[in-house]
Amino acid sequence: MNQSIQKKIGVGIAVIILIMTAIGSLFAYSYAFNNQYSQRQKLDERALDQYVNEVQTTFRDVQMLSQNIAASQEIQNFLADQDHDYFEITDAVQRIKSIINLRVYVNNAVLLQGDQVYWTYSPFEDYMRERLKEPWYIQLENQNETFSAVHACGYPRDSRFITYILKINNPDRYGQEAGRVLLNINVRQFKDILERGVEPDTGYFFVDTRSGEAVLHRGTARSLENLLLEIQKQPQEEQGGTVFYPWEGGYFAWRTLAGSPFGIGIYTSRQQLMQYTEPLRHFFIAYSAATIAAVVLLTCMLVHQFLKPAALISKAMLDFSKGKKTRLDIRTGDEFQVLSRQFNNMADSIEESVKRKIHDEKVNKKLKFDMLMSKIHPHFLYNTLNSVIYLARREGNADIEKMVHSLILILQDGMAAYSGRIDDPLSAELLVVSAYCVIQRYRYKDKFQLVINVPAELQGAYIPKNILQPVVENAIYHGIAPMEEPGTVEILVEREDEMLRICIADSGMGMDEETLSAAKQSIGDTSGGVHSIGMKSIRERLEYLYQDRYTFEIYSEKGKGTTVLICLPYKTTTVLIPAEQTDLYEGE
């Protein structure tokens, strides 16, 4: 009978999962196909538009500079004569430099007049005259206005340039050439534009469409060859429009620059496209979760039909795990009735055990907290200490008066626990630390200095009582007192988001790694002396108040000092001991 029921449930679940998975897979892959290309292509098209606009802006600026040089009256006057002395050449070159001075991507310029070559970098050298004999210029010397192919130039070393060539007409003789101006554009400018916007794993290509040469490219040679082949096979229908060519699961986005023989392409791989399917994966996860929920619902319906008593027992156990007690009343006369009776007995036993455990933990925590706070209530001691102050004043002993005042402040802080408060403003705790240090200065005269660095806006933050003084005491007793020279104890408080960061550092002896490890372990050992117990009490109170929402760390380096770091939640209101815990101690 049990095997028959299991088969029915198994077959039903398998059929449902198969149908839902098939539908989900078809929908997911259909969505992926449309999402990958449409979203990424729009992003790439916008990015390519930005790169093209920046490059075209550079080209237009170069064209405008060339026209400004050609239209300059000084240049026109210079070209009107054939023979020039040293000063005339220098003045013409300086005029050109002043026009291109602010364009960092125009490294230099050349002014041609007949067979004379005046290079702004060095107008009296023949270096550029030799460069003009190379194919990149010879092929274009008959054109009035154009951009050259990319070519090398030794100044600056290993630089590559695209040269803009503009014919300067003779204003007195229509159609006659007076000279030419050449502006050398550093290819580095275009590399900076592309690499500033293109993602690190995206390929890009800056191509001279006349020769098919890649001026700049990032990507494999095979991808470049494929792009050039696709451009030749499928020329653009509209000048300046973006064309997409698919390749190996990805695609090229290509666009020709209007008014120049260059074009820019970027390659998006299949791997990059898959990165843009995150929305799809989220959708698929949500859809799978919905499918599983539907399967669970249908399965529950089947189980309800075939194993209704078992479903009732399962529901009762689930409710009980969530804290809701349910009594079962199954009367089937079989094993389910026995299970229901045993479940009721088990629930009663567990509930009683939990209540007893909660009560014991409350009592135990309250006792531990009271011990850690070391509450005392010696009213008679105040009267005695006030008498000591009176005698000190009468005898004119200011040191005794100051020391007893500090002791009274510390005792009053300890008695504050009887009011039910477990924390104090930071300013009050700092007063206790200062009072403690006043007393210790009489014991260790001129031995240490206390530095408190706390912003005014954090003075009102509430922290657990008596967590600073034991740390300062350890710093003086273990860190500074054993040294021959004096030291410093610094308290630094900062706020980081919703946490208060308290740092107590000393410039004392410090500890090596082995001693530091032993010191950390001794915090949990009450046999380590008064100072270890003080540090242990701080950790236990922090754990009691904040559970896992605090940190208590110790750092030390031999010969450099020790630092204690306490991080706890930032709050500006006090906390009282809960009434249900206080009730445990009524009548003490």
Protein backbone atom coordinates (compact mmCIF):
# COMPACT_ATOMS: atom_id res chain seq x y z
CA MET A 1 0.00 0.00 0.00
CA ASN A 2 2.82 2.42 0.89
CA GLN A 3 4.67 1.70 -2.36
CA SER A 4 1.52 2.37 -4.40
CA ILE A 5 1.02 5.77 -2.81
CA GLN A 6 4.68 6.71 -3.32
CA LYS A 7 4.44 5.77 -7.00
CA LYS A 8 1.37 7.92 -7.50
CA ILE A 9 2.99 10.93 -5.84
CA GLY A 10 6.28 10.39 -7.70
CA VAL A 11 4.63 10.13 -11.12
CA GLY A 12 2.50 13.21 -10.48
CA ILE A 13 5.49 15.32 -9.36
CA ALA A 14 7.63 14.14 -12.28
CA VAL A 15 4.97 15.03 -14.87
CA ILE A 16 4.36 18.47 -13.36
CA ILE A 17 8.07 19.28 -13.11
CA LEU A 18 8.66 18.15 -16.70
CA ILE A 19 5.86 20.30 -18.12
CA MET A 20 6.70 23.40 -16.08
CA THR A 21 10.43 23.10 -16.79
CA ALA A 22 9.84 22.78 -20.54
CA ILE A 23 7.59 25.84 -20.60
CA GLY A 24 10.03 27.81 -18.45
CA SER A 25 13.04 26.87 -20.59
CA LEU A 26 11.34 27.88 -23.84
CA PHE A 27 10.22 31.19 -22.38
CA ALA A 28 13.65 31.88 -20.84
CA TYR A 29 15.66 31.20 -24.00
CA SER A 30 13.22 33.22 -26.10
CA TYR A 31 13.55 36.12 -23.69
CA ALA A 32 17.36 35.75 -23.66
CA PHE A 33 17.65 35.97 -27.44
CA ASN A 34 15.66 39.21 -27.64
CA ASN A 35 17.12 40.71 -24.49
CA GLN A 36 20.81 40.08 -25.27
CA TYR A 37 20.84 41.81 -28.62
CA SER A 38 18.29 44.58 -28.20
CA GLN A 39 19.60 45.93 -24.90
CA ARG A 40 23.33 45.58 -25.59
CA GLN A 41 23.07 46.92 -29.15
CA LYS A 42 21.33 50.05 -27.89
CA LEU A 43 24.07 50.58 -25.31
CA ASP A 44 26.83 49.99 -27.85
CA GLU A 45 25.17 52.27 -30.39
CA ARG A 46 25.00 55.11 -27.86
CA ALA A 47 28.63 54.49 -26.85
CA LEU A 48 29.75 54.41 -30.48
CA ASP A 49 27.91 57.68 -31.14
CA GLN A 50 29.86 59.26 -28.30
CA TYR A 51 33.24 58.05 -29.61
CA VAL A 52 32.44 59.16 -33.15
CA ASN A 53 31.32 62.58 -31.97
CA GLU A 54 34.54 63.09 -29.99
CA VAL A 55 36.75 62.03 -32.92
CA GLN A 56 34.77 64.14 -35.40
CA THR A 57 35.04 67.09 -33.04
CA THR A 58 38.83 66.65 -33.08
CA PHE A 59 38.86 66.48 -36.88
CA ARG A 60 36.66 69.57 -37.22
CA ASP A 61 38.87 71.45 -34.78
CA VAL A 62 41.95 70.55 -36.84
CA GLN A 63 40.21 71.70 -40.03
CA MET A 64 39.27 74.97 -38.35
CA LEU A 65 42.85 75.50 -37.16
CA SER A 66 44.16 74.91 -40.68
CA GLN A 67 41.71 77.42 -42.09
CA ASN A 68 42.70 79.94 -39.42
CA ILE A 69 46.34 79.52 -40.38
CA ALA A 70 45.53 79.88 -44.07
CA ALA A 71 43.43 83.00 -43.40
CA SER A 72 46.03 84.63 -41.15
CA GLN A 73 47.26 87.90 -42.63
CA GLU A 74 50.80 87.18 -41.45
CA ILE A 75 50.83 83.85 -43.30
CA GLN A 76 49.29 85.44 -46.41
CA ASN A 77 51.98 88.14 -46.40
CA PHE A 78 54.67 85.51 -45.87
CA LEU A 79 53.48 83.42 -48.83
CA ALA A 80 53.27 86.50 -51.07
CA ASP A 81 57.09 86.61 -51.23
CA GLN A 82 59.43 83.88 -52.36
CA ASP A 83 62.60 84.92 -50.58
CA HIS A 84 62.60 85.11 -46.79
CA ASP A 85 65.19 85.98 -44.26
CA TYR A 86 65.68 84.35 -40.89
CA PHE A 87 63.36 86.70 -39.00
CA GLU A 88 60.49 86.36 -41.47
CA ILE A 89 60.64 82.55 -41.23
CA THR A 90 60.79 82.72 -37.45
CA ASP A 91 57.81 85.09 -37.28
CA ALA A 92 55.70 82.87 -39.58
CA VAL A 93 56.53 79.77 -37.55
CA GLN A 94 55.72 81.55 -34.29
CA ARG A 95 52.37 82.67 -35.72
CA ILE A 96 51.46 79.08 -36.57
CA LYS A 97 52.56 77.92 -33.11
CA SER A 98 50.37 80.55 -31.48
CA ILE A 99 47.33 79.24 -33.35
CA ILE A 100 47.88 75.56 -32.47
CA ASN A 101 49.40 76.20 -29.06
CA LEU A 102 46.42 75.07 -26.94
CA ARG A 103 45.74 71.87 -28.93
CA VAL A 104 47.76 69.16 -27.22
CA TYR A 105 46.86 66.62 -29.90
CA VAL A 106 48.41 68.76 -32.69
CA ASN A 107 52.08 68.12 -32.03
CA ASN A 108 53.46 70.27 -34.85
CA ALA A 109 52.65 71.86 -38.18
CA VAL A 110 54.33 72.29 -41.56
CA LEU A 111 54.06 75.24 -43.95
CA LEU A 112 54.91 74.52 -47.59
CA GLN A 113 55.78 77.14 -50.19
CA GLY A 114 56.93 75.61 -53.44
CA ASP A 115 59.89 73.43 -52.56
CA GLN A 116 60.42 75.18 -49.24
CA VAL A 117 59.41 73.29 -46.06
CA TYR A 118 59.00 75.16 -42.76
CA TRP A 119 58.48 72.81 -39.85
CA THR A 120 57.35 74.36 -36.58
CA TYR A 121 59.40 71.86 -34.59
CA SER A 122 62.63 72.97 -36.32
CA PRO A 123 62.07 75.23 -39.33
CA PHE A 124 65.65 75.12 -40.60
CA GLU A 125 66.11 71.33 -40.61
CA ASP A 126 65.50 68.99 -43.56
CA TYR A 127 63.90 66.21 -41.48
CA MET A 128 60.32 66.95 -42.53
CA ARG A 129 61.41 67.53 -46.15
CA GLU A 130 62.50 63.87 -46.23
CA ARG A 131 59.23 62.74 -44.68
CA LEU A 132 57.29 64.41 -47.49
CA LYS A 133 58.94 62.05 -49.95
CA GLU A 134 57.15 59.11 -48.37
CA PRO A 135 54.03 57.48 -49.92
CA TRP A 136 51.57 58.88 -47.34
CA TYR A 137 52.16 62.41 -48.71
CA ILE A 138 52.96 61.69 -52.36
CA GLN A 139 49.60 59.94 -52.82
CA LEU A 140 47.72 63.03 -51.57
CA GLU A 141 49.84 65.95 -52.73
CA ASN A 142 47.43 66.77 -55.58
CA GLN A 143 44.39 67.02 -53.29
CA ASN A 144 43.21 70.33 -51.91
CA GLU A 145 42.00 69.13 -48.51
CA THR A 146 42.25 65.68 -46.97
CA PHE A 147 43.53 63.51 -44.16
CA SER A 148 46.58 61.31 -44.75
CA ALA A 149 47.10 57.69 -43.85
CA VAL A 150 48.76 57.02 -40.53
CA HIS A 151 52.54 57.43 -40.66
CA ALA A 152 55.48 57.40 -38.29
CA CYS A 153 57.48 60.38 -37.20
CA GLY A 154 60.64 60.54 -35.12
CA TYR A 155 59.56 63.63 -33.17
CA PRO A 156 58.39 62.75 -30.58
CA ARG A 157 60.09 59.38 -30.75
CA ASP A 158 58.00 56.41 -31.88
CA SER A 159 54.96 58.64 -32.44
CA ARG A 160 52.37 57.96 -35.13
CA PHE A 161 50.45 60.73 -36.85
CA ILE A 162 47.53 61.46 -39.12
CA THR A 163 48.26 64.60 -41.11
CA TYR A 164 45.60 67.04 -42.28
CA ILE A 165 46.59 68.72 -45.56
CA LEU A 166 45.02 72.03 -46.66
CA LYS A 167 45.82 73.93 -49.85
CA ILE A 168 46.23 77.71 -49.41
CA ASN A 169 45.04 79.64 -52.47
CA ASN A 170 46.69 82.79 -53.77
CA PRO A 171 44.23 85.65 -53.08
CA ASP A 172 45.59 87.67 -56.00
CA ARG A 173 45.48 84.88 -58.57
CA TYR A 174 42.35 82.73 -58.58
CA GLY A 175 43.05 79.01 -58.69
CA GLN A 176 46.76 79.36 -58.09
CA GLU A 177 48.26 77.65 -55.07
CA ALA A 178 50.22 79.90 -52.72
CA GLY A 179 51.25 77.12 -50.35
CA ARG A 180 50.04 74.35 -48.08
CA VAL A 181 49.62 73.84 -44.36
CA LEU A 182 49.98 70.41 -42.75
CA LEU A 183 48.82 69.70 -39.18
CA ASN A 184 50.20 66.51 -37.60
CA ILE A 185 47.65 64.90 -35.25
CA ASN A 186 49.05 62.46 -32.70
CA VAL A 187 47.20 59.11 -32.92
CA ARG A 188 47.46 58.91 -29.13
CA GLN A 189 44.55 61.37 -28.97
CA PHE A 190 42.18 58.86 -30.54
CA LYS A 191 43.49 56.02 -28.39
CA ASP A 192 42.74 58.05 -25.27
CA ILE A 193 39.19 58.72 -26.51
CA LEU A 194 38.49 55.05 -27.19
CA GLU A 195 40.10 53.59 -24.08
CA ARG A 196 38.44 56.18 -21.86
CA GLY A 197 34.98 54.93 -22.74
CA VAL A 198 35.36 51.34 -23.99
CA GLU A 199 35.17 48.56 -21.40
CA PRO A 200 38.48 46.75 -20.72
CA ASP A 201 37.33 43.50 -22.39
CA THR A 202 35.68 45.19 -25.40
CA GLY A 203 37.57 45.25 -28.71
CA TYR A 204 37.76 48.46 -30.73
CA PHE A 205 39.03 49.36 -34.21
CA PHE A 206 39.93 52.74 -35.70
CA VAL A 207 40.29 52.00 -39.42
CA ASP A 208 41.41 53.89 -42.52
CA THR A 209 38.70 52.81 -44.98
CA ARG A 210 40.81 53.72 -48.00
CA SER A 211 43.43 51.06 -47.36
CA GLY A 212 41.71 48.90 -44.77
CA GLU A 213 44.58 49.59 -42.36
CA ALA A 214 43.84 49.62 -38.65
CA VAL A 215 45.17 52.85 -37.19
CA LEU A 216 44.32 51.59 -33.68
CA HIS A 217 42.82 48.33 -32.56
CA ARG A 218 42.35 46.21 -29.50
CA GLY A 219 41.37 42.67 -30.30
CA THR A 220 42.57 39.68 -32.30
CA ALA A 221 43.88 40.00 -35.85
CA ARG A 222 41.22 37.52 -36.93
CA SER A 223 38.42 39.74 -35.61
CA LEU A 224 39.94 42.73 -37.42
CA GLU A 225 40.14 40.82 -40.70
CA ASN A 226 36.54 39.71 -40.33
CA LEU A 227 35.38 43.29 -39.67
CA LEU A 228 37.16 44.61 -42.79
CA LEU A 229 35.67 41.79 -44.85
CA GLU A 230 32.14 42.54 -43.62
CA ILE A 231 32.59 46.26 -44.34
CA GLN A 232 33.58 45.48 -47.93
CA LYS A 233 30.69 43.05 -48.43
CA GLN A 234 27.97 45.21 -46.84
CA PRO A 235 28.68 48.91 -47.39
CA GLN A 236 26.62 51.40 -45.42
CA GLU A 237 23.44 52.71 -46.95
CA GLU A 238 23.51 55.93 -44.96
CA GLN A 239 26.58 58.03 -44.24
CA GLY A 240 27.23 58.22 -40.50
CA GLY A 241 24.75 55.48 -39.57
CA THR A 242 25.65 52.57 -37.28
CA VAL A 243 25.75 49.08 -38.84
CA PHE A 244 25.88 45.81 -36.89
CA TYR A 245 27.68 42.72 -38.27
CA PRO A 246 27.20 39.41 -36.38
CA TRP A 247 30.29 37.29 -35.69
CA GLU A 248 30.89 34.21 -33.49
CA GLY A 249 27.89 34.76 -31.28
CA GLY A 250 28.70 38.46 -30.82
CA TYR A 251 28.70 41.38 -33.24
CA PHE A 252 30.59 44.35 -34.60
CA ALA A 253 29.13 47.85 -34.36
CA TRP A 254 30.62 50.00 -37.16
CA ARG A 255 30.28 53.61 -38.13
CA THR A 256 32.11 55.77 -40.70
CA LEU A 257 33.14 59.26 -39.67
CA ALA A 258 31.45 61.89 -41.83
CA GLY A 259 33.87 64.10 -43.71
CA SER A 260 36.88 61.81 -43.25
CA PRO A 261 38.14 58.48 -44.61
CA PHE A 262 38.10 56.83 -41.20
CA GLY A 263 35.66 54.69 -39.29
CA ILE A 264 35.26 53.31 -35.77
CA GLY A 265 34.12 49.85 -34.82
CA ILE A 266 33.66 48.09 -31.50
CA TYR A 267 33.36 44.34 -31.01
CA THR A 268 31.10 42.80 -28.38
CA SER A 269 31.79 39.10 -27.73
CA ARG A 270 29.35 36.39 -26.82
CA GLN A 271 30.79 36.35 -23.29
CA GLN A 272 29.98 40.03 -22.86
CA LEU A 273 26.47 39.47 -24.18
CA MET A 274 25.97 36.72 -21.62
CA GLN A 275 26.89 39.16 -18.87
CA TYR A 276 23.88 41.20 -19.87
CA THR A 277 21.55 38.29 -19.24
CA GLU A 278 21.53 38.92 -15.50
CA PRO A 279 17.91 40.14 -15.66
CA LEU A 280 17.08 36.94 -17.47
CA ARG A 281 18.73 34.82 -14.84
CA HIS A 282 16.86 36.66 -12.12
CA PHE A 283 13.67 36.11 -14.02
CA PHE A 284 14.50 32.44 -14.46
CA ILE A 285 15.18 32.04 -10.76
CA ALA A 286 11.87 33.70 -9.90
CA TYR A 287 10.08 31.57 -12.46
CA SER A 288 11.72 28.41 -11.13
CA ALA A 289 10.70 29.36 -7.60
CA ALA A 290 7.14 29.85 -8.78
CA THR A 291 7.27 26.48 -10.55
CA ILE A 292 8.53 24.75 -7.43
CA ALA A 293 5.82 26.45 -5.37
CA ALA A 294 3.19 25.20 -7.79
CA VAL A 295 4.65 21.69 -7.62
CA VAL A 296 4.64 21.83 -3.83
CA LEU A 297 1.01 23.01 -3.83
CA LEU A 298 -0.13 20.24 -6.16
CA THR A 299 1.89 17.71 -4.18
CA CYS A 300 0.22 18.84 -0.97
CA MET A 301 -3.16 18.33 -2.60
CA LEU A 302 -2.21 14.76 -3.53
CA VAL A 303 -0.81 14.08 -0.08
CA HIS A 304 -3.95 15.52 1.45
CA GLN A 305 -6.01 13.06 -0.53
CA PHE A 306 -3.88 10.01 0.10
CA LEU A 307 -2.35 10.74 3.50
CA LYS A 308 -4.62 13.18 5.26
CA PRO A 309 -3.70 12.04 8.80
CA ALA A 310 0.02 12.39 7.97
CA ALA A 311 -0.62 15.91 6.64
CA LEU A 312 -2.35 16.85 9.88
CA ILE A 313 0.58 15.57 11.92
CA SER A 314 3.07 17.41 9.68
CA LYS A 315 1.14 20.67 9.96
CA ALA A 316 0.95 20.34 13.73
CA MET A 317 4.72 19.82 13.93
CA LEU A 318 5.34 22.84 11.67
CA ASP A 319 3.07 25.04 13.78
CA PHE A 320 4.82 23.86 16.91
CA SER A 321 8.24 24.70 15.43
CA LYS A 322 6.97 28.25 14.86
CA GLY A 323 5.83 28.55 18.48
CA LYS A 324 2.15 27.71 17.97
CA LYS A 325 0.92 24.83 20.07
CA THR A 326 -1.59 22.52 18.36
CA ARG A 327 -3.39 19.54 19.90
CA LEU A 328 -4.04 16.59 17.59
CA ASP A 329 -7.22 14.56 17.86
CA ILE A 330 -6.86 11.77 15.27
CA ARG A 331 -9.10 8.73 15.73
CA THR A 332 -8.15 6.36 12.95
CA GLY A 333 -7.42 3.34 15.12
CA ASP A 334 -4.00 2.81 13.50
CA GLU A 335 -0.40 4.06 13.72
CA PHE A 336 -1.46 7.65 12.99
CA GLN A 337 -3.52 7.73 16.19
CA VAL A 338 -0.49 6.48 18.17
CA LEU A 339 1.71 9.13 16.52
CA SER A 340 -0.74 11.90 17.35
CA ARG A 341 -0.87 10.87 21.01
CA GLN A 342 2.93 10.71 21.22
CA PHE A 343 3.18 14.11 19.51
CA ASN A 344 0.88 15.70 22.12
CA ASN A 345 2.98 14.24 24.95
CA MET A 346 6.22 15.41 23.28
CA ALA A 347 4.86 18.95 22.74
CA ASP A 348 3.85 19.24 26.40
CA SER A 349 7.28 18.05 27.54
CA ILE A 350 9.20 20.39 25.22
CA GLU A 351 7.08 23.41 26.15
CA GLU A 352 7.68 22.82 29.84
CA SER A 353 11.41 22.34 29.27
CA VAL A 354 11.67 25.57 27.20
CA LYS A 355 9.86 27.62 29.86
CA ARG A 356 12.15 26.27 32.56
CA LYS A 357 15.23 26.97 30.42
CA ILE A 358 14.17 30.55 29.68
CA HIS A 359 13.55 31.23 33.37
CA ASP A 360 16.94 29.74 34.34
CA GLU A 361 18.76 31.79 31.70
CA LYS A 362 17.11 35.02 32.87
CA VAL A 363 18.16 34.35 36.44
CA ASN A 364 21.68 33.36 35.43
CA LYS A 365 22.23 36.41 33.17
CA LYS A 366 20.91 38.80 35.77
CA LEU A 367 23.18 37.33 38.41
CA LYS A 368 26.20 37.51 36.14
CA PHE A 369 25.39 41.08 35.14
CA ASP A 370 25.01 42.12 38.78
CA MET A 371 28.36 40.54 39.60
CA LEU A 372 30.04 42.25 36.67
CA MET A 373 28.66 45.66 37.60
CA SER A 374 30.00 45.10 41.16
CA LYS A 375 27.19 47.04 42.72
CA ILE A 376 27.89 48.49 46.14
CA HIS A 377 25.86 50.78 48.32
CA PRO A 378 28.15 52.12 51.13
CA HIS A 379 26.42 55.40 52.12
CA PHE A 380 28.47 55.60 55.27
CA LEU A 381 31.61 55.76 53.12
CA TYR A 382 30.53 59.13 51.65
CA ASN A 383 30.22 60.65 55.11
CA THR A 384 33.71 59.41 56.01
CA LEU A 385 35.23 60.72 52.76
CA ASN A 386 33.50 64.11 53.17
CA SER A 387 35.06 64.31 56.64
CA VAL A 388 38.46 63.62 55.08
CA ILE A 389 37.88 66.44 52.56
CA TYR A 390 36.94 68.79 55.41
CA LEU A 391 40.12 67.92 57.32
CA ALA A 392 42.22 68.32 54.15
CA ARG A 393 40.80 71.77 53.50
CA ARG A 394 41.37 72.81 57.11
CA GLU A 395 44.98 71.63 56.89
CA GLY A 396 45.41 73.24 53.42
CA ASN A 397 46.27 69.91 51.72
CA ALA A 398 44.88 70.34 48.18
CA ASP A 399 46.30 67.00 46.96
CA ILE A 400 44.30 64.97 49.47
CA GLU A 401 41.16 66.99 48.71
CA LYS A 402 41.56 66.48 44.96
CA MET A 403 42.27 62.77 45.34
CA VAL A 404 39.24 62.14 47.60
CA HIS A 405 36.96 64.12 45.25
CA SER A 406 38.04 61.81 42.42
CA LEU A 407 37.40 58.74 44.58
CA ILE A 408 33.88 59.96 45.45
CA LEU A 409 33.11 60.47 41.74
CA ILE A 410 34.18 56.89 40.98
CA LEU A 411 32.10 55.48 43.87
CA GLN A 412 29.03 57.46 42.80
CA ASP A 413 29.38 56.03 39.30
CA GLY A 414 29.44 52.51 40.73
CA MET A 415 26.30 53.16 42.77
CA ALA A 416 24.37 54.37 39.72
CA ALA A 417 23.65 50.75 38.77
CA TYR A 418 21.02 50.61 41.56
CA SER A 419 18.84 53.03 39.58
CA GLY A 420 18.33 50.38 36.88
CA ARG A 421 20.55 52.17 34.34
CA ILE A 422 23.16 50.05 32.61
CA ASP A 423 24.71 52.81 30.51
CA ASP A 424 25.86 56.43 30.77
CA PRO A 425 26.65 59.28 28.40
CA LEU A 426 30.17 59.09 27.05
CA SER A 427 30.97 62.39 28.78
CA ALA A 428 30.14 60.85 32.20
CA GLU A 429 32.36 57.82 31.58
CA LEU A 430 35.19 60.10 30.50
CA LEU A 431 34.82 62.00 33.81
CA VAL A 432 35.22 58.71 35.67
CA VAL A 433 38.35 57.89 33.66
CA SER A 434 39.75 61.36 34.35
CA ALA A 435 39.05 60.95 38.07
CA TYR A 436 40.77 57.58 38.07
CA CYS A 437 43.81 59.08 36.36
CA VAL A 438 43.92 61.88 38.95
CA ILE A 439 44.30 59.24 41.66
CA GLN A 440 46.88 57.24 39.68
CA ARG A 441 49.01 60.33 39.05
CA TYR A 442 49.72 60.48 42.78
CA ARG A 443 50.89 56.87 42.63
CA TYR A 444 52.81 57.22 39.33
CA LYS A 445 53.88 60.86 39.51
CA ASP A 446 54.80 62.35 36.12
CA LYS A 447 54.65 58.83 34.72
CA PHE A 448 51.81 59.11 32.18
CA GLN A 449 49.61 61.59 30.35
CA LEU A 450 45.92 61.10 29.46
CA VAL A 451 44.79 62.45 26.07
CA ILE A 452 41.06 62.47 25.27
CA ASN A 453 40.08 63.06 21.63
CA VAL A 454 36.27 62.98 21.45
CA PRO A 455 34.16 65.23 19.16
CA ALA A 456 31.59 67.36 20.96
CA GLU A 457 28.72 65.78 19.03
CA LEU A 458 29.61 62.32 20.41
CA GLN A 459 29.79 63.38 24.08
CA GLY A 460 26.11 62.53 24.50
CA ALA A 461 26.34 59.02 23.05
CA TYR A 462 25.38 56.30 25.54
CA ILE A 463 27.79 53.44 26.26
CA PRO A 464 27.71 50.65 28.89
CA LYS A 465 28.86 51.80 32.29
CA ASN A 466 32.44 51.21 33.41
CA ILE A 467 33.94 49.85 30.16
CA LEU A 468 36.61 52.54 29.74
CA GLN A 469 38.20 52.70 33.21
CA PRO A 470 39.35 49.02 33.34
CA VAL A 471 41.04 49.38 29.92
CA VAL A 472 42.81 52.59 30.97
CA GLU A 473 43.85 50.88 34.20
CA ASN A 474 45.40 48.00 32.23
CA ALA A 475 47.19 50.47 29.96
CA ILE A 476 48.77 52.23 32.97
CA TYR A 477 49.46 49.16 35.09
CA HIS A 478 50.79 46.77 32.41
CA GLY A 479 51.91 49.13 29.65
CA ILE A 480 53.40 52.32 31.09
CA ALA A 481 54.24 51.63 34.76
CA PRO A 482 56.95 49.00 34.01
CA MET A 483 58.79 51.45 31.71
CA GLU A 484 61.46 53.86 32.89
CA GLU A 485 60.33 56.73 30.66
CA PRO A 486 56.84 58.31 30.82
CA GLY A 487 54.06 57.32 28.41
CA THR A 488 50.71 58.41 27.02
CA VAL A 489 47.20 56.92 27.14
CA GLU A 490 44.93 58.22 24.38
CA ILE A 491 41.15 57.77 24.08
CA LEU A 492 39.82 58.31 20.54
CA VAL A 493 36.09 58.08 19.73
CA GLU A 494 34.63 58.17 16.21
CA ARG A 495 31.29 57.35 14.60
CA GLU A 496 31.13 55.02 11.59
CA ASP A 497 27.58 54.87 10.17
CA GLU A 498 25.46 53.38 13.00
CA MET A 499 28.44 52.15 15.07
CA LEU A 500 30.48 53.94 17.74
CA ARG A 501 34.21 53.21 17.49
CA ILE A 502 36.19 53.60 20.77
CA CYS A 503 39.98 53.26 20.57
CA ILE A 504 42.14 53.23 23.74
CA ALA A 505 45.85 53.22 22.90
CA ASP A 506 48.96 53.46 25.06
CA SER A 507 52.60 54.03 24.20
CA GLY A 508 53.75 51.46 26.70
CA MET A 509 55.83 48.31 26.50
CA GLY A 510 53.52 46.40 24.17
CA MET A 511 53.48 42.62 23.73
CA ASP A 512 54.88 40.12 21.25
CA GLU A 513 52.52 37.76 19.41
CA GLU A 514 52.86 34.93 21.95
CA THR A 515 52.21 37.21 24.94
CA LEU A 516 49.31 38.87 23.13
CA SER A 517 47.71 35.49 22.39
CA ALA A 518 48.10 34.46 26.03
CA ALA A 519 46.61 37.77 27.18
CA LYS A 520 43.55 37.29 24.97
CA GLN A 521 43.02 33.79 26.37
CA SER A 522 43.46 35.02 29.95
CA ILE A 523 40.45 37.32 29.53
CA GLY A 524 38.28 34.25 29.89
CA ASP A 525 40.23 32.97 32.94
CA THR A 526 39.21 34.44 36.29
CA SER A 527 42.50 33.27 37.86
CA GLY A 528 44.44 35.95 35.94
CA GLY A 529 44.14 38.62 38.59
CA VAL A 530 42.11 41.77 39.04
CA HIS A 531 43.12 43.25 35.71
CA SER A 532 42.19 40.15 33.68
CA ILE A 533 38.85 39.96 35.46
CA GLY A 534 38.19 43.62 34.56
CA MET A 535 38.78 42.97 30.86
CA LYS A 536 36.72 39.79 31.03
CA SER A 537 33.81 41.69 32.59
CA ILE A 538 33.83 44.20 29.75
CA ARG A 539 33.58 41.48 27.11
CA GLU A 540 30.82 39.63 28.99
CA ARG A 541 28.74 42.79 29.49
CA LEU A 542 29.09 43.72 25.83
CA GLU A 543 28.03 40.21 24.83
CA TYR A 544 25.08 40.37 27.21
CA LEU A 545 23.91 43.76 25.92
CA TYR A 546 24.65 43.44 22.19
CA GLN A 547 25.02 39.71 21.44
CA ASP A 548 26.89 39.64 18.10
CA ARG A 549 26.51 43.37 17.32
CA TYR A 550 29.81 44.45 18.92
CA THR A 551 33.55 43.92 18.58
CA PHE A 552 36.21 43.84 21.31
CA GLU A 553 39.72 43.52 19.91
CA ILE A 554 43.26 43.91 21.26
CA TYR A 555 46.27 44.83 19.12
CA SER A 556 49.83 45.14 20.41
CA GLU A 557 53.40 45.36 19.17
CA LYS A 558 56.47 44.87 21.30
CA GLY A 559 58.06 48.19 22.21
CA LYS A 560 55.33 50.29 20.56
CA GLY A 561 52.31 49.92 22.81
CA THR A 562 48.86 48.33 22.95
CA THR A 563 45.52 49.33 21.44
CA VAL A 564 42.05 48.15 22.54
CA LEU A 565 39.27 48.65 19.97
CA ILE A 566 35.60 48.56 21.03
CA CYS A 567 32.83 48.95 18.44
CA LEU A 568 29.21 49.01 19.57
CA PRO A 569 25.88 50.39 18.28
CA TYR A 570 25.57 54.18 18.39
CA LYS A 571 22.62 55.40 20.46
CA THR A 572 21.62 58.62 22.17
CA THR A 573 19.11 57.29 24.69
CA THR A 574 19.64 55.34 27.88
CA VAL A 575 18.65 51.70 28.45
CA LEU A 576 17.01 50.44 31.65
CA ILE A 577 17.18 46.91 32.97
CA PRO A 578 13.99 45.15 31.71
CA ALA A 579 11.23 44.92 34.27
CA GLU A 580 10.89 41.17 33.89
CA GLN A 581 14.54 40.80 34.95
CA THR A 582 14.31 43.34 37.74
CA ASP A 583 11.34 41.45 39.20
CA LEU A 584 13.56 38.45 39.77
CA TYR A 585 15.39 40.45 42.44
CA GLU A 586 12.54 42.04 44.32
CA GLY A 587 13.13 41.69 48.04
CA GLU A 588 16.94 41.36 47.80
